Amino acid sequence: MKPRVCVLGNHDYACLKKDFKWFNELAAESLIWTTRVIKRENLEYISKLPLSETLEVEGVRVYVTHGSPVDNLYDYVYQEQGRDWMRFFKITGSDIIILGHTHIPMIIKLKEKYIINPGSVGQPRDGNPAASYCILNINRSVSAELKRVNYDIDKSAEEILDEGLPSFLAERLYTGI
């Protein structure tokens, strides 16, 4: 099943450009591995992904990007930052902004507007190793709820190690950092 909305992330972009200078040594090593093993059709798929996408659901405008409306690939958005959140809504003209990059789940509600980071499935960074996602309900009103689900971390860690990738990449799955 093809996802309804899928946007380009910074690691996707790095694989396309084969430019790893922005990454720490471990991330660069995993990206080099990815460029060696990625299937051509998958590379073609990510090469066509947009940096952002806007859709309308029940009259609600939803903007999706990896980083932020200011920098789609590399901007880290944290809940505790003193950001001008309304600037994001002015830039996008949206009611809901969905982003990622930090891998830290959050929901910021500003009046009737939302900024949502669903977190990460498999690479959380908030100290909780369970996979994180968000249920966004747009009906007569909008609601958003962060959810967690356990997954087979042992299997994922074993596959990382079997590929010869750094052990830290496997170990961090258990701690969620």
N, C-alpha and C. Protein backbone atom coordinates (compact mmCIF):
# COMPACT_ATOMS: atom_id res chain seq x y z
N MET A 1 0.83 -1.18 0.00
CA MET A 1 0.00 0.00 0.00
C MET A 1 0.88 1.25 0.00
N LYS A 2 0.67 2.13 -0.93
CA LYS A 2 1.43 3.36 -1.03
C LYS A 2 0.89 4.37 -0.01
N PRO A 3 1.79 5.03 0.73
CA PRO A 3 1.33 6.02 1.70
C PRO A 3 0.67 7.19 1.00
N ARG A 4 -0.30 7.78 1.68
CA ARG A 4 -1.00 8.92 1.10
C ARG A 4 -0.07 10.14 1.03
N VAL A 5 0.72 10.33 2.08
CA VAL A 5 1.66 11.44 2.14
C VAL A 5 3.01 10.90 2.58
N CYS A 6 4.04 11.25 1.84
CA CYS A 6 5.40 10.86 2.20
C CYS A 6 6.32 11.98 1.74
N VAL A 7 7.16 12.46 2.65
CA VAL A 7 8.06 13.56 2.31
C VAL A 7 9.52 13.13 2.49
N LEU A 8 10.39 13.85 1.85
CA LEU A 8 11.82 13.56 1.90
C LEU A 8 12.40 13.97 3.24
N GLY A 9 13.22 13.09 3.81
CA GLY A 9 13.93 13.40 5.05
C GLY A 9 15.40 13.65 4.78
N ASN A 10 16.11 14.08 5.81
CA ASN A 10 17.52 14.42 5.62
C ASN A 10 18.38 13.20 5.28
N HIS A 11 18.06 12.03 5.81
CA HIS A 11 18.84 10.84 5.46
C HIS A 11 18.52 10.39 4.03
N ASP A 12 17.26 10.53 3.63
CA ASP A 12 16.89 10.23 2.24
C ASP A 12 17.68 11.12 1.29
N TYR A 13 17.70 12.40 1.61
CA TYR A 13 18.41 13.37 0.77
C TYR A 13 19.90 13.03 0.69
N ALA A 14 20.48 12.68 1.83
CA ALA A 14 21.90 12.33 1.86
C ALA A 14 22.19 11.12 0.98
N CYS A 15 21.29 10.14 0.99
CA CYS A 15 21.47 8.96 0.13
C CYS A 15 21.41 9.34 -1.34
N LEU A 16 20.51 10.23 -1.68
CA LEU A 16 20.40 10.66 -3.07
C LEU A 16 21.64 11.41 -3.53
N LYS A 17 22.14 12.30 -2.68
CA LYS A 17 23.28 13.14 -3.05
C LYS A 17 24.62 12.51 -2.73
N LYS A 18 24.59 11.43 -1.94
CA LYS A 18 25.83 10.79 -1.46
C LYS A 18 26.73 11.82 -0.77
N ASP A 19 26.10 12.65 0.02
CA ASP A 19 26.79 13.71 0.76
C ASP A 19 26.53 13.48 2.25
N PHE A 20 27.56 13.02 2.95
CA PHE A 20 27.40 12.62 4.35
C PHE A 20 28.17 13.54 5.30
N LYS A 21 28.68 14.64 4.81
CA LYS A 21 29.53 15.50 5.64
C LYS A 21 28.78 16.13 6.81
N TRP A 22 27.46 16.22 6.73
CA TRP A 22 26.67 16.83 7.80
C TRP A 22 26.41 15.87 8.95
N PHE A 23 26.80 14.62 8.80
CA PHE A 23 26.43 13.59 9.76
C PHE A 23 27.60 13.17 10.63
N ASN A 24 27.28 12.71 11.85
CA ASN A 24 28.35 12.18 12.69
C ASN A 24 28.85 10.88 12.06
N GLU A 25 29.96 10.39 12.57
CA GLU A 25 30.64 9.23 11.98
C GLU A 25 29.75 7.99 11.89
N LEU A 26 28.97 7.74 12.93
CA LEU A 26 28.10 6.54 12.94
C LEU A 26 26.96 6.68 11.94
N ALA A 27 26.35 7.85 11.91
CA ALA A 27 25.26 8.07 10.95
C ALA A 27 25.80 8.00 9.53
N ALA A 28 26.96 8.57 9.30
CA ALA A 28 27.57 8.51 7.96
C ALA A 28 27.83 7.07 7.55
N GLU A 29 28.33 6.26 8.49
CA GLU A 29 28.59 4.85 8.18
C GLU A 29 27.30 4.12 7.80
N SER A 30 26.22 4.41 8.51
CA SER A 30 24.95 3.75 8.17
C SER A 30 24.41 4.25 6.83
N LEU A 31 24.65 5.51 6.51
CA LEU A 31 24.22 6.04 5.22
C LEU A 31 25.02 5.44 4.07
N ILE A 32 26.31 5.28 4.27
CA ILE A 32 27.14 4.63 3.25
C ILE A 32 26.65 3.21 3.01
N TRP A 33 26.35 2.50 4.10
CA TRP A 33 25.80 1.14 3.98
C TRP A 33 24.49 1.17 3.20
N THR A 34 23.62 2.14 3.53
CA THR A 34 22.33 2.24 2.84
C THR A 34 22.50 2.45 1.35
N THR A 35 23.42 3.32 0.96
CA THR A 35 23.62 3.57 -0.47
C THR A 35 24.14 2.34 -1.21
N ARG A 36 24.81 1.45 -0.47
CA ARG A 36 25.30 0.21 -1.09
C ARG A 36 24.17 -0.81 -1.29
N VAL A 37 23.20 -0.84 -0.37
CA VAL A 37 22.22 -1.92 -0.42
C VAL A 37 20.83 -1.50 -0.90
N ILE A 38 20.57 -0.21 -1.02
CA ILE A 38 19.24 0.23 -1.40
C ILE A 38 18.91 -0.22 -2.82
N LYS A 39 17.71 -0.70 -3.00
CA LYS A 39 17.26 -1.12 -4.33
C LYS A 39 17.03 0.10 -5.21
N ARG A 40 17.29 -0.10 -6.48
CA ARG A 40 17.15 1.01 -7.43
C ARG A 40 15.75 1.60 -7.41
N GLU A 41 14.72 0.75 -7.35
CA GLU A 41 13.34 1.26 -7.34
C GLU A 41 13.04 2.07 -6.08
N ASN A 42 13.69 1.72 -4.97
CA ASN A 42 13.50 2.51 -3.75
C ASN A 42 14.20 3.86 -3.85
N LEU A 43 15.37 3.86 -4.45
CA LEU A 43 16.09 5.11 -4.67
C LEU A 43 15.30 6.02 -5.61
N GLU A 44 14.73 5.44 -6.65
CA GLU A 44 13.89 6.22 -7.57
C GLU A 44 12.68 6.78 -6.85
N TYR A 45 12.09 5.98 -5.97
CA TYR A 45 10.92 6.43 -5.21
C TYR A 45 11.27 7.65 -4.35
N ILE A 46 12.37 7.55 -3.57
CA ILE A 46 12.69 8.68 -2.70
C ILE A 46 13.15 9.90 -3.50
N SER A 47 13.67 9.68 -4.70
CA SER A 47 14.10 10.81 -5.52
C SER A 47 12.92 11.66 -5.98
N LYS A 48 11.73 11.12 -5.91
CA LYS A 48 10.53 11.84 -6.34
C LYS A 48 9.74 12.43 -5.18
N LEU A 49 10.22 12.21 -3.96
CA LEU A 49 9.50 12.72 -2.80
C LEU A 49 9.65 14.23 -2.69
N PRO A 50 8.57 14.91 -2.32
CA PRO A 50 8.66 16.36 -2.11
C PRO A 50 9.27 16.69 -0.75
N LEU A 51 9.74 17.92 -0.60
CA LEU A 51 10.24 18.38 0.69
C LEU A 51 9.10 18.65 1.68
N SER A 52 7.95 18.95 1.13
CA SER A 52 6.77 19.17 1.96
C SER A 52 5.54 18.86 1.13
N GLU A 53 4.45 18.68 1.83
CA GLU A 53 3.18 18.45 1.14
C GLU A 53 2.07 19.04 1.98
N THR A 54 1.11 19.63 1.31
CA THR A 54 -0.07 20.18 1.98
C THR A 54 -1.30 19.46 1.45
N LEU A 55 -2.15 19.04 2.37
CA LEU A 55 -3.39 18.41 1.97
C LEU A 55 -4.51 19.00 2.79
N GLU A 56 -5.72 18.82 2.31
CA GLU A 56 -6.89 19.30 3.03
C GLU A 56 -7.76 18.11 3.40
N VAL A 57 -8.13 18.04 4.66
CA VAL A 57 -8.97 16.96 5.18
C VAL A 57 -10.12 17.61 5.92
N GLU A 58 -11.33 17.41 5.45
CA GLU A 58 -12.52 17.96 6.10
C GLU A 58 -12.39 19.47 6.34
N GLY A 59 -11.80 20.17 5.37
CA GLY A 59 -11.64 21.62 5.48
C GLY A 59 -10.48 22.07 6.33
N VAL A 60 -9.68 21.14 6.83
CA VAL A 60 -8.52 21.44 7.66
C VAL A 60 -7.26 21.28 6.80
N ARG A 61 -6.43 22.34 6.75
CA ARG A 61 -5.20 22.28 5.97
C ARG A 61 -4.08 21.69 6.82
N VAL A 62 -3.45 20.63 6.28
CA VAL A 62 -2.39 19.92 6.98
C VAL A 62 -1.11 20.02 6.16
N TYR A 63 -0.06 20.51 6.79
CA TYR A 63 1.25 20.66 6.16
C TYR A 63 2.18 19.61 6.76
N VAL A 64 2.87 18.86 5.90
CA VAL A 64 3.76 17.79 6.34
C VAL A 64 5.16 18.05 5.80
N THR A 65 6.15 17.97 6.68
CA THR A 65 7.55 18.11 6.28
C THR A 65 8.42 17.34 7.27
N HIS A 66 9.68 17.20 6.97
CA HIS A 66 10.58 16.48 7.87
C HIS A 66 11.12 17.40 8.98
N GLY A 67 11.68 18.54 8.61
CA GLY A 67 12.27 19.46 9.57
C GLY A 67 11.27 20.47 10.08
N SER A 68 11.11 21.56 9.32
CA SER A 68 10.13 22.60 9.67
C SER A 68 9.80 23.37 8.40
N PRO A 69 8.80 24.24 8.46
CA PRO A 69 8.52 25.08 7.29
C PRO A 69 9.66 26.03 6.94
N VAL A 70 10.54 26.32 7.90
CA VAL A 70 11.67 27.21 7.67
C VAL A 70 12.81 26.48 6.96
N ASP A 71 13.06 25.24 7.35
CA ASP A 71 14.10 24.40 6.74
C ASP A 71 13.59 22.97 6.74
N ASN A 72 13.11 22.54 5.59
CA ASN A 72 12.42 21.25 5.47
C ASN A 72 13.25 20.05 5.87
N LEU A 73 14.55 20.11 5.71
CA LEU A 73 15.38 18.94 5.97
C LEU A 73 16.09 18.96 7.31
N TYR A 74 16.57 20.12 7.73
CA TYR A 74 17.54 20.12 8.83
C TYR A 74 17.12 20.86 10.10
N ASP A 75 15.98 21.51 10.11
CA ASP A 75 15.58 22.27 11.30
C ASP A 75 15.09 21.31 12.39
N TYR A 76 15.66 21.45 13.57
CA TYR A 76 15.23 20.67 14.73
C TYR A 76 14.20 21.49 15.49
N VAL A 77 13.01 20.95 15.65
CA VAL A 77 11.94 21.62 16.37
C VAL A 77 11.68 20.87 17.67
N TYR A 78 11.95 21.56 18.78
CA TYR A 78 11.71 20.99 20.10
C TYR A 78 10.60 21.79 20.78
N GLN A 79 9.85 21.12 21.61
CA GLN A 79 8.72 21.75 22.29
C GLN A 79 9.16 22.89 23.21
N GLU A 80 10.30 22.73 23.86
CA GLU A 80 10.70 23.72 24.84
C GLU A 80 11.37 24.95 24.24
N GLN A 81 11.60 24.97 22.94
CA GLN A 81 12.24 26.12 22.32
C GLN A 81 11.30 27.33 22.34
N GLY A 82 11.88 28.50 22.44
CA GLY A 82 11.10 29.74 22.37
C GLY A 82 10.88 30.15 20.93
N ARG A 83 10.13 29.38 20.20
CA ARG A 83 9.89 29.65 18.78
C ARG A 83 8.68 30.55 18.59
N ASP A 84 8.68 31.22 17.47
CA ASP A 84 7.49 31.93 17.02
C ASP A 84 6.65 30.92 16.25
N TRP A 85 5.87 30.14 17.00
CA TRP A 85 5.10 29.05 16.39
C TRP A 85 4.12 29.57 15.34
N MET A 86 3.55 30.75 15.58
CA MET A 86 2.57 31.28 14.63
C MET A 86 3.23 31.58 13.28
N ARG A 87 4.53 31.83 13.27
CA ARG A 87 5.25 32.04 12.01
C ARG A 87 5.13 30.81 11.12
N PHE A 88 5.22 29.61 11.72
CA PHE A 88 5.08 28.38 10.95
C PHE A 88 3.72 28.34 10.24
N PHE A 89 2.68 28.75 10.95
CA PHE A 89 1.33 28.73 10.36
C PHE A 89 1.18 29.80 9.29
N LYS A 90 1.83 30.95 9.49
CA LYS A 90 1.79 32.00 8.47
C LYS A 90 2.50 31.54 7.21
N ILE A 91 3.65 30.88 7.36
CA ILE A 91 4.42 30.40 6.20
C ILE A 91 3.62 29.37 5.41
N THR A 92 2.95 28.46 6.10
CA THR A 92 2.30 27.33 5.45
C THR A 92 0.83 27.56 5.13
N GLY A 93 0.21 28.51 5.82
CA GLY A 93 -1.23 28.70 5.64
C GLY A 93 -2.03 27.50 6.12
N SER A 94 -1.46 26.75 7.04
CA SER A 94 -2.10 25.50 7.48
C SER A 94 -2.68 25.63 8.89
N ASP A 95 -3.46 24.62 9.24
CA ASP A 95 -4.04 24.51 10.58
C ASP A 95 -3.26 23.50 11.42
N ILE A 96 -2.65 22.54 10.76
CA ILE A 96 -1.88 21.50 11.42
C ILE A 96 -0.55 21.35 10.69
N ILE A 97 0.52 21.27 11.47
CA ILE A 97 1.85 21.03 10.90
C ILE A 97 2.37 19.73 11.50
N ILE A 98 2.74 18.81 10.63
CA ILE A 98 3.30 17.53 11.05
C ILE A 98 4.75 17.51 10.60
N LEU A 99 5.65 17.23 11.55
CA LEU A 99 7.07 17.21 11.24
C LEU A 99 7.77 16.10 12.00
N GLY A 100 9.05 15.96 11.77
CA GLY A 100 9.81 14.88 12.40
C GLY A 100 11.19 15.36 12.78
N HIS A 101 12.19 14.76 12.26
CA HIS A 101 13.61 15.08 12.37
C HIS A 101 14.19 14.85 13.76
N THR A 102 13.53 15.34 14.83
CA THR A 102 14.08 15.14 16.17
C THR A 102 13.85 13.72 16.67
N HIS A 103 12.85 13.04 16.12
CA HIS A 103 12.43 11.71 16.57
C HIS A 103 11.85 11.77 17.98
N ILE A 104 11.50 12.95 18.45
CA ILE A 104 10.93 13.12 19.79
C ILE A 104 9.45 13.50 19.63
N PRO A 105 8.57 12.63 20.13
CA PRO A 105 7.14 12.91 19.96
C PRO A 105 6.70 14.14 20.75
N MET A 106 5.82 14.91 20.13
CA MET A 106 5.25 16.08 20.81
C MET A 106 3.98 16.52 20.11
N ILE A 107 3.14 17.14 20.88
CA ILE A 107 1.96 17.82 20.35
C ILE A 107 1.92 19.19 21.00
N ILE A 108 1.93 20.22 20.18
CA ILE A 108 1.78 21.59 20.65
C ILE A 108 0.44 22.08 20.12
N LYS A 109 -0.44 22.49 21.02
CA LYS A 109 -1.74 23.01 20.61
C LYS A 109 -1.76 24.50 20.89
N LEU A 110 -2.03 25.27 19.86
CA LEU A 110 -2.11 26.73 19.95
C LEU A 110 -3.48 27.15 19.45
N LYS A 111 -4.37 27.42 20.37
CA LYS A 111 -5.78 27.70 20.05
C LYS A 111 -6.33 26.51 19.29
N GLU A 112 -6.66 26.66 18.04
CA GLU A 112 -7.21 25.54 17.25
C GLU A 112 -6.18 24.96 16.28
N LYS A 113 -4.92 25.31 16.46
CA LYS A 113 -3.86 24.84 15.58
C LYS A 113 -2.95 23.87 16.32
N TYR A 114 -2.31 22.99 15.54
CA TYR A 114 -1.45 21.96 16.11
C TYR A 114 -0.12 21.89 15.38
N ILE A 115 0.93 21.64 16.16
CA ILE A 115 2.22 21.22 15.61
C ILE A 115 2.48 19.86 16.22
N ILE A 116 2.67 18.86 15.35
CA ILE A 116 2.77 17.48 15.80
C ILE A 116 4.04 16.83 15.28
N ASN A 117 4.75 16.18 16.18
CA ASN A 117 5.84 15.29 15.80
C ASN A 117 5.43 13.92 16.32
N PRO A 118 5.13 12.97 15.44
CA PRO A 118 4.68 11.65 15.90
C PRO A 118 5.79 10.81 16.54
N GLY A 119 7.02 11.29 16.48
CA GLY A 119 8.14 10.51 17.02
C GLY A 119 8.70 9.61 15.95
N SER A 120 9.11 8.42 16.35
CA SER A 120 9.78 7.54 15.41
C SER A 120 9.44 6.09 15.67
N VAL A 121 9.31 5.36 14.61
CA VAL A 121 9.14 3.91 14.71
C VAL A 121 10.53 3.30 14.54
N GLY A 122 11.15 2.89 15.64
CA GLY A 122 12.44 2.23 15.57
C GLY A 122 13.64 3.06 15.93
N GLN A 123 13.54 4.36 15.96
CA GLN A 123 14.69 5.20 16.30
C GLN A 123 14.27 6.35 17.22
N PRO A 124 13.55 6.08 18.30
CA PRO A 124 13.13 7.17 19.18
C PRO A 124 14.33 7.83 19.86
N ARG A 125 14.14 9.08 20.27
CA ARG A 125 15.22 9.82 20.92
C ARG A 125 14.76 10.45 22.24
N ASP A 126 13.68 9.93 22.80
CA ASP A 126 13.15 10.51 24.04
C ASP A 126 13.31 9.61 25.25
N GLY A 127 14.14 8.58 25.13
CA GLY A 127 14.38 7.69 26.26
C GLY A 127 13.38 6.56 26.39
N ASN A 128 12.44 6.47 25.50
CA ASN A 128 11.45 5.39 25.50
C ASN A 128 11.67 4.57 24.22
N PRO A 129 12.09 3.31 24.34
CA PRO A 129 12.42 2.53 23.14
C PRO A 129 11.22 2.06 22.32
N ALA A 130 10.01 2.19 22.84
CA ALA A 130 8.83 1.74 22.09
C ALA A 130 8.63 2.62 20.86
N ALA A 131 8.09 2.03 19.81
CA ALA A 131 7.79 2.78 18.58
C ALA A 131 6.73 3.83 18.89
N SER A 132 6.90 4.99 18.32
CA SER A 132 6.00 6.11 18.59
C SER A 132 5.27 6.51 17.31
N TYR A 133 4.00 6.82 17.48
CA TYR A 133 3.21 7.31 16.35
C TYR A 133 2.09 8.18 16.89
N CYS A 134 1.34 8.79 16.01
CA CYS A 134 0.26 9.69 16.42
C CYS A 134 -1.02 9.32 15.68
N ILE A 135 -2.11 9.33 16.41
CA ILE A 135 -3.43 9.20 15.80
C ILE A 135 -4.00 10.61 15.68
N LEU A 136 -4.19 11.06 14.46
CA LEU A 136 -4.75 12.38 14.19
C LEU A 136 -6.17 12.17 13.68
N ASN A 137 -7.13 12.69 14.41
CA ASN A 137 -8.52 12.54 14.04
C ASN A 137 -9.06 13.90 13.59
N ILE A 138 -9.44 13.96 12.34
CA ILE A 138 -10.03 15.19 11.81
C ILE A 138 -11.45 14.85 11.37
N ASN A 139 -12.39 15.34 12.14
CA ASN A 139 -13.79 15.11 11.86
C ASN A 139 -14.47 16.45 12.02
N ARG A 140 -15.42 16.55 12.90
CA ARG A 140 -16.01 17.87 13.18
C ARG A 140 -15.06 18.73 13.99
N SER A 141 -14.17 18.08 14.68
CA SER A 141 -13.12 18.77 15.43
C SER A 141 -11.81 18.02 15.19
N VAL A 142 -10.73 18.52 15.74
CA VAL A 142 -9.43 17.91 15.57
C VAL A 142 -8.95 17.40 16.92
N SER A 143 -8.43 16.18 16.91
CA SER A 143 -7.77 15.66 18.11
C SER A 143 -6.52 14.91 17.67
N ALA A 144 -5.54 14.93 18.54
CA ALA A 144 -4.28 14.24 18.25
C ALA A 144 -3.84 13.53 19.52
N GLU A 145 -3.41 12.28 19.36
CA GLU A 145 -2.98 11.49 20.50
C GLU A 145 -1.73 10.70 20.14
N LEU A 146 -0.69 10.88 20.96
CA LEU A 146 0.53 10.12 20.76
C LEU A 146 0.34 8.72 21.32
N LYS A 147 0.86 7.72 20.63
CA LYS A 147 0.74 6.33 21.04
C LYS A 147 2.12 5.69 21.02
N ARG A 148 2.27 4.63 21.80
CA ARG A 148 3.49 3.83 21.81
C ARG A 148 3.12 2.37 21.66
N VAL A 149 4.00 1.64 21.00
CA VAL A 149 3.81 0.20 20.85
C VAL A 149 5.18 -0.47 20.91
N ASN A 150 5.24 -1.56 21.63
CA ASN A 150 6.49 -2.32 21.69
C ASN A 150 6.68 -3.08 20.39
N TYR A 151 7.91 -3.33 20.04
CA TYR A 151 8.23 -4.12 18.86
C TYR A 151 9.44 -4.99 19.21
N ASP A 152 9.80 -5.87 18.32
CA ASP A 152 10.89 -6.82 18.58
C ASP A 152 12.24 -6.12 18.40
N ILE A 153 12.67 -5.45 19.46
CA ILE A 153 13.95 -4.73 19.42
C ILE A 153 15.10 -5.71 19.23
N ASP A 154 15.02 -6.87 19.87
CA ASP A 154 16.10 -7.87 19.73
C ASP A 154 16.34 -8.20 18.26
N LYS A 155 15.26 -8.42 17.54
CA LYS A 155 15.38 -8.79 16.12
C LYS A 155 16.00 -7.64 15.31
N SER A 156 15.52 -6.44 15.56
CA SER A 156 16.07 -5.28 14.84
C SER A 156 17.55 -5.08 15.16
N ALA A 157 17.91 -5.18 16.43
CA ALA A 157 19.30 -5.01 16.84
C ALA A 157 20.18 -6.09 16.21
N GLU A 158 19.68 -7.31 16.20
CA GLU A 158 20.43 -8.42 15.61
C GLU A 158 20.68 -8.18 14.12
N GLU A 159 19.68 -7.68 13.41
CA GLU A 159 19.84 -7.41 11.99
C GLU A 159 20.88 -6.31 11.74
N ILE A 160 20.90 -5.31 12.60
CA ILE A 160 21.90 -4.24 12.48
C ILE A 160 23.30 -4.81 12.64
N LEU A 161 23.46 -5.64 13.67
CA LEU A 161 24.77 -6.24 13.93
C LEU A 161 25.17 -7.22 12.82
N ASP A 162 24.21 -8.00 12.32
CA ASP A 162 24.48 -8.95 11.23
C ASP A 162 24.98 -8.24 9.97
N GLU A 163 24.57 -7.00 9.78
CA GLU A 163 25.00 -6.24 8.60
C GLU A 163 26.37 -5.60 8.81
N GLY A 164 26.93 -5.77 10.01
CA GLY A 164 28.25 -5.22 10.28
C GLY A 164 28.25 -3.74 10.61
N LEU A 165 27.10 -3.21 10.92
CA LEU A 165 27.02 -1.81 11.30
C LEU A 165 27.49 -1.63 12.74
N PRO A 166 27.84 -0.42 13.13
CA PRO A 166 28.34 -0.19 14.50
C PRO A 166 27.36 -0.66 15.57
N SER A 167 27.88 -1.28 16.61
CA SER A 167 27.03 -1.84 17.67
C SER A 167 26.21 -0.76 18.37
N PHE A 168 26.71 0.46 18.42
CA PHE A 168 25.96 1.55 19.05
C PHE A 168 24.59 1.72 18.41
N LEU A 169 24.50 1.54 17.09
CA LEU A 169 23.23 1.70 16.39
C LEU A 169 22.21 0.66 16.83
N ALA A 170 22.68 -0.51 17.21
CA ALA A 170 21.79 -1.55 17.74
C ALA A 170 21.47 -1.27 19.21
N GLU A 171 22.48 -0.91 19.97
CA GLU A 171 22.31 -0.70 21.41
C GLU A 171 21.35 0.45 21.72
N ARG A 172 21.38 1.49 20.91
CA ARG A 172 20.54 2.65 21.20
C ARG A 172 19.05 2.34 21.05
N LEU A 173 18.72 1.29 20.32
CA LEU A 173 17.32 0.90 20.20
C LEU A 173 16.71 0.53 21.55
N TYR A 174 17.53 -0.03 22.43
CA TYR A 174 17.05 -0.47 23.74
C TYR A 174 16.82 0.71 24.69
N THR A 175 17.51 1.80 24.47
CA THR A 175 17.40 2.94 25.40
C THR A 175 16.54 4.06 24.84
N GLY A 176 16.35 4.09 23.54
CA GLY A 176 15.56 5.15 22.95
C GLY A 176 16.23 6.51 22.97
N ILE A 177 17.59 6.50 22.95
CA ILE A 177 18.30 7.78 22.92
C ILE A 177 19.31 7.80 21.78
